[in-house]
Amino acid sequence: RPLYEKMGFQRVSTVTRMTIPCCDDDKLKLVEGITNADVIMDDRSHHADLLQLDQQATGLDRSETLRTLLDYPYVQMATIVQDNKIVIAALVTQHTNSPLVTVGPILGQEEYVPTLLQGIRESLPPRVTDMVLIVSDHPSLVKTLADVGFEIVFEVGAMTMRGPPLPGERDLYLGLIHPTLG
């Protein structure tokens, strides 16, 4: 048995870091009837909806953290909205002095992720070379993204020590903000 099990820890999920170059012309698979044009960048009109969706997905009140992130000029919110309701949303962080962009949290319906990511990718400035995201315990999403060109950088287990299962509707919590922020 691994040492962490001997110490009382239990693996509760898998966290997968993935990346894709932004400079090629490959298109990700799109959802039928939805196009990249349906991805709204810097959607300030739905910040309250993002906070509500995050609390539903994580079971936690992270509104202060998310509001702080949204106040930074290099963080944008990307959404796909249908019938005036968010079906998927993500924060997009363009790092200063870095050619990377990080996407997360990603919240909503899994089938919209490729379209959302393609819309984000097409909106990025030329200096951005790679998109990075951290998938939270969604093996089918990892497979879908790997099939369309994302590279798996690493997979690690998320653990708890005799703790309860993670709160929230985890099927809606697709990508982490950052490994240390959840």
Protein backbone atom coordinates (compact mmCIF):
# COMPACT_ATOMS: atom_id res chain seq x y z
CA ARG A 1 0.00 0.00 0.00
CA PRO A 2 1.18 3.55 -0.68
CA LEU A 3 2.42 5.53 2.31
CA TYR A 4 -0.44 8.05 2.07
CA GLU A 5 -2.95 5.20 2.57
CA LYS A 6 -1.02 3.87 5.55
CA MET A 7 -1.22 7.37 7.07
CA GLY A 8 -5.03 7.45 6.68
CA PHE A 9 -5.37 9.50 3.48
CA GLN A 10 -7.84 8.44 0.79
CA ARG A 11 -7.76 9.38 -2.85
CA VAL A 12 -11.04 11.11 -3.74
CA SER A 13 -10.41 12.36 -7.27
CA THR A 14 -7.89 12.97 -10.03
CA VAL A 15 -6.59 16.37 -11.09
CA THR A 16 -5.19 16.63 -14.63
CA ARG A 17 -3.15 19.53 -16.00
CA MET A 18 -3.54 19.93 -19.77
CA THR A 19 -2.09 22.32 -22.33
CA ILE A 20 -2.51 23.14 -26.01
CA PRO A 21 -0.59 25.51 -28.30
CA CYS A 22 -2.52 28.61 -29.32
CA CYS A 23 -0.56 29.34 -32.48
CA ASP A 24 -1.84 26.57 -34.77
CA ASP A 25 -5.06 26.67 -36.75
CA ASP A 26 -6.58 23.47 -35.38
CA LYS A 27 -10.21 23.81 -34.41
CA LEU A 28 -11.62 22.05 -31.39
CA LYS A 29 -14.83 20.06 -31.75
CA LEU A 30 -17.84 22.30 -31.49
CA VAL A 31 -21.20 21.60 -29.93
CA GLU A 32 -23.91 21.16 -32.56
CA GLY A 33 -25.76 24.43 -33.05
CA ILE A 34 -23.21 26.44 -31.03
CA THR A 35 -20.32 28.32 -32.65
CA ASN A 36 -17.27 30.19 -31.43
CA ALA A 37 -19.29 33.36 -31.97
CA ASP A 38 -21.50 32.24 -29.07
CA VAL A 39 -18.56 32.58 -26.67
CA ILE A 40 -18.80 35.96 -24.93
CA MET A 41 -15.47 37.30 -23.67
CA ASP A 42 -15.22 39.68 -20.70
CA ASP A 43 -18.89 39.14 -19.91
CA ARG A 44 -19.36 41.52 -16.99
CA SER A 45 -23.15 41.23 -17.14
CA HIS A 46 -23.04 37.69 -15.73
CA HIS A 47 -20.63 38.03 -12.78
CA ALA A 48 -23.40 37.32 -10.25
CA ASP A 49 -24.41 34.24 -12.25
CA LEU A 50 -20.80 33.02 -12.17
CA LEU A 51 -20.67 33.38 -8.38
CA GLN A 52 -23.93 31.45 -8.01
CA LEU A 53 -22.78 28.71 -10.41
CA ASP A 54 -19.45 28.41 -8.57
CA GLN A 55 -21.21 28.00 -5.21
CA GLN A 56 -23.54 25.38 -6.71
CA ALA A 57 -20.64 23.47 -8.28
CA THR A 58 -18.20 23.62 -5.36
CA GLY A 59 -20.57 23.82 -2.40
CA LEU A 60 -18.40 26.67 -1.09
CA ASP A 61 -18.73 30.44 -0.94
CA ARG A 62 -15.71 31.55 -2.95
CA SER A 63 -17.31 34.82 -4.05
CA GLU A 64 -14.66 37.03 -2.43
CA THR A 65 -11.84 35.15 -4.20
CA LEU A 66 -13.62 35.26 -7.55
CA ARG A 67 -14.52 38.96 -7.21
CA THR A 68 -10.88 39.74 -6.40
CA LEU A 69 -9.72 37.84 -9.49
CA LEU A 70 -12.32 39.55 -11.69
CA ASP A 71 -11.04 42.95 -10.53
CA TYR A 72 -7.63 42.31 -12.11
CA PRO A 73 -7.27 43.74 -15.63
CA TYR A 74 -5.62 40.58 -16.94
CA VAL A 75 -8.51 38.29 -15.90
CA GLN A 76 -11.57 37.95 -18.15
CA MET A 77 -14.74 35.92 -17.87
CA ALA A 78 -15.77 33.78 -20.84
CA THR A 79 -19.32 32.42 -21.11
CA ILE A 80 -21.76 30.67 -23.34
CA VAL A 81 -25.30 31.82 -22.61
CA GLN A 82 -28.50 30.18 -23.83
CA ASP A 83 -31.99 31.46 -23.03
CA ASN A 84 -30.36 34.15 -20.86
CA LYS A 85 -28.73 31.48 -18.67
CA ILE A 86 -25.05 30.54 -18.45
CA VAL A 87 -24.46 26.99 -19.67
CA ILE A 88 -20.70 27.28 -19.12
CA ALA A 89 -18.34 29.91 -17.75
CA ALA A 90 -14.63 30.24 -17.07
CA LEU A 91 -12.09 32.76 -15.92
CA VAL A 92 -9.25 33.42 -18.35
CA THR A 93 -5.99 34.74 -16.91
CA GLN A 94 -3.40 36.23 -19.27
CA HIS A 95 -0.21 36.24 -17.23
CA THR A 96 1.99 39.33 -17.30
CA ASN A 97 5.41 38.67 -18.87
CA SER A 98 4.39 35.12 -19.77
CA PRO A 99 3.20 33.58 -23.03
CA LEU A 100 0.69 31.40 -21.13
CA VAL A 101 -3.01 31.82 -20.49
CA THR A 102 -4.71 29.85 -17.71
CA VAL A 103 -8.38 28.88 -17.91
CA GLY A 104 -10.18 28.15 -14.65
CA PRO A 105 -12.37 27.68 -12.87
CA ILE A 106 -14.47 26.10 -15.59
CA LEU A 107 -18.07 25.71 -14.45
CA GLY A 108 -21.12 24.31 -16.22
CA GLN A 109 -22.05 21.64 -18.71
CA GLU A 110 -19.15 19.47 -19.88
CA GLU A 111 -20.26 19.19 -23.51
CA TYR A 112 -19.68 22.94 -24.02
CA VAL A 113 -16.03 22.92 -22.93
CA PRO A 114 -14.44 22.45 -26.40
CA THR A 115 -16.51 25.28 -27.88
CA LEU A 116 -15.72 27.57 -24.95
CA LEU A 117 -12.00 26.83 -25.19
CA GLN A 118 -11.97 27.37 -28.96
CA GLY A 119 -13.69 30.74 -28.55
CA ILE A 120 -11.18 31.72 -25.86
CA ARG A 121 -8.30 30.54 -28.03
CA GLU A 122 -9.46 32.63 -30.98
CA SER A 123 -9.72 35.75 -28.78
CA LEU A 124 -6.15 35.60 -27.46
CA PRO A 125 -3.45 38.08 -28.53
CA PRO A 126 -0.57 36.77 -30.68
CA ARG A 127 1.90 36.85 -27.76
CA VAL A 128 0.04 33.96 -26.07
CA THR A 129 1.58 30.64 -27.11
CA ASP A 130 -0.13 28.11 -24.85
CA MET A 131 -3.41 27.59 -23.02
CA VAL A 132 -3.28 25.72 -19.70
CA LEU A 133 -6.15 24.25 -17.69
CA ILE A 134 -6.53 21.87 -14.78
CA VAL A 135 -9.40 19.40 -15.14
CA SER A 136 -11.01 18.31 -11.90
CA ASP A 137 -12.01 14.64 -11.87
CA HIS A 138 -13.70 14.44 -15.27
CA PRO A 139 -12.00 11.56 -17.14
CA SER A 140 -14.36 11.84 -20.12
CA LEU A 141 -13.44 15.53 -20.50
CA VAL A 142 -9.73 14.68 -20.30
CA LYS A 143 -10.23 12.12 -23.08
CA THR A 144 -12.25 14.55 -25.23
CA LEU A 145 -9.61 17.26 -24.88
CA ALA A 146 -6.74 14.83 -25.51
CA ASP A 147 -8.52 13.65 -28.67
CA VAL A 148 -8.62 17.23 -30.02
CA GLY A 149 -4.98 18.06 -29.32
CA PHE A 150 -4.55 18.88 -25.64
CA GLU A 151 -1.50 17.33 -24.03
CA ILE A 152 -1.70 15.79 -20.56
CA VAL A 153 1.10 17.39 -18.55
CA PHE A 154 0.43 15.49 -15.33
CA GLU A 155 -2.26 13.67 -13.35
CA VAL A 156 -2.27 13.58 -9.57
CA GLY A 157 -4.66 12.36 -6.95
CA ALA A 158 -6.60 14.71 -4.72
CA MET A 159 -6.81 13.32 -1.22
CA THR A 160 -8.63 13.67 2.03
CA MET A 161 -7.84 12.38 5.50
CA ARG A 162 -10.97 10.58 6.66
CA GLY A 163 -12.91 13.59 5.41
CA PRO A 164 -16.34 13.71 3.82
CA PRO A 165 -16.69 13.72 0.05
CA LEU A 166 -16.16 17.07 -1.62
CA PRO A 167 -19.28 19.27 -1.41
CA GLY A 168 -21.25 20.71 -4.29
CA GLU A 169 -22.50 19.41 -7.61
CA ARG A 170 -19.14 18.17 -8.83
CA ASP A 171 -20.42 17.32 -12.32
CA LEU A 172 -20.57 21.12 -12.88
CA TYR A 173 -17.05 21.75 -11.54
CA LEU A 174 -14.92 21.00 -14.58
CA GLY A 175 -11.70 22.92 -14.07
CA LEU A 176 -9.84 24.37 -11.11
CA ILE A 177 -8.86 28.01 -10.64
CA HIS A 178 -5.38 26.84 -9.62
CA PRO A 179 -4.16 23.75 -7.75
CA THR A 180 -3.68 25.73 -4.55
CA LEU A 181 -7.02 27.56 -4.79
CA GLY A 182 -9.23 24.67 -5.90
